Amino acid sequence: MDSVNMHKKRLYDRLPVNGSVRLLTITEKQYASIEILLGPLMEPDESHETETLSIF
C-alpha cells in the first residue's frame, strides 16, 4: 500500500485543471484472474481521441 499511496499522491499533485482522473487499485492476484472476453469481429466505430496512463 505504500507504493499505491506514493503514486496516488503523485497523481493528486498533477491533476488536470479541466478534467478528472479515476484510480482503481487491484492486487496481483486480482490482476492475474482477469479474463478477456471477445465477441465477433465488427467494423470499428469512429475513432475518438483519449489519453490513458497506466502505472505498474
Protein backbone atom coordinates (compact mmCIF):
# COMPACT_ATOMS: atom_id res chain seq x y z
CA MET A 1 0.00 0.00 0.00
CA ASP A 2 2.98 2.34 0.48
CA SER A 3 3.66 2.25 -3.26
CA VAL A 4 -0.02 2.83 -4.04
CA ASN A 5 -0.12 5.83 -1.71
CA MET A 6 3.04 7.26 -3.28
CA HIS A 7 1.57 7.02 -6.80
CA LYS A 8 -1.78 8.37 -5.59
CA LYS A 9 -0.03 11.44 -4.17
CA ARG A 10 1.88 11.93 -7.44
CA LEU A 11 -1.41 11.79 -9.37
CA TYR A 12 -3.11 14.16 -6.94
CA ASP A 13 -0.26 16.66 -7.31
CA ARG A 14 -0.66 16.61 -11.12
CA LEU A 15 -4.45 16.65 -11.52
CA PRO A 16 -5.59 18.32 -14.75
CA VAL A 17 -7.23 21.74 -14.39
CA ASN A 18 -10.25 20.86 -16.52
CA GLY A 19 -10.52 17.10 -16.25
CA SER A 20 -10.76 14.18 -13.93
CA VAL A 21 -8.76 11.09 -13.01
CA ARG A 22 -10.09 7.68 -11.99
CA LEU A 23 -7.83 5.44 -9.90
CA LEU A 24 -8.51 1.76 -9.42
CA THR A 25 -6.21 -0.27 -7.19
CA ILE A 26 -6.12 -4.04 -7.63
CA THR A 27 -3.87 -6.75 -6.22
CA GLU A 28 -1.61 -9.01 -8.29
CA LYS A 29 -3.98 -11.90 -7.55
CA GLN A 30 -6.94 -9.91 -8.87
CA TYR A 31 -4.96 -8.87 -11.96
CA ALA A 32 -3.96 -12.48 -12.60
CA SER A 33 -7.62 -13.51 -12.67
CA ILE A 34 -8.58 -11.06 -15.44
CA GLU A 35 -10.46 -12.76 -18.27
CA ILE A 36 -10.52 -11.40 -21.80
CA LEU A 37 -13.88 -11.97 -23.49
CA LEU A 38 -14.01 -11.43 -27.25
CA GLY A 39 -17.14 -11.25 -29.34
CA PRO A 40 -17.43 -11.44 -33.12
CA LEU A 41 -15.21 -9.07 -35.10
CA MET A 42 -17.10 -5.97 -36.25
CA GLU A 43 -16.16 -2.79 -38.08
CA PRO A 44 -14.63 -0.26 -35.70
CA ASP A 45 -16.60 2.78 -34.54
CA GLU A 46 -15.37 6.25 -35.32
CA SER A 47 -12.03 6.98 -33.71
CA HIS A 48 -12.10 9.08 -30.52
CA GLU A 49 -9.02 10.63 -29.00
CA THR A 50 -8.36 9.51 -25.44
CA GLU A 51 -5.41 9.69 -23.08
CA THR A 52 -4.66 6.77 -20.80
CA LEU A 53 -1.90 6.42 -18.22
CA SER A 54 -1.11 3.04 -16.69
CA ILE A 55 1.32 2.73 -13.79
CA PHE A 56 2.56 -0.65 -12.68
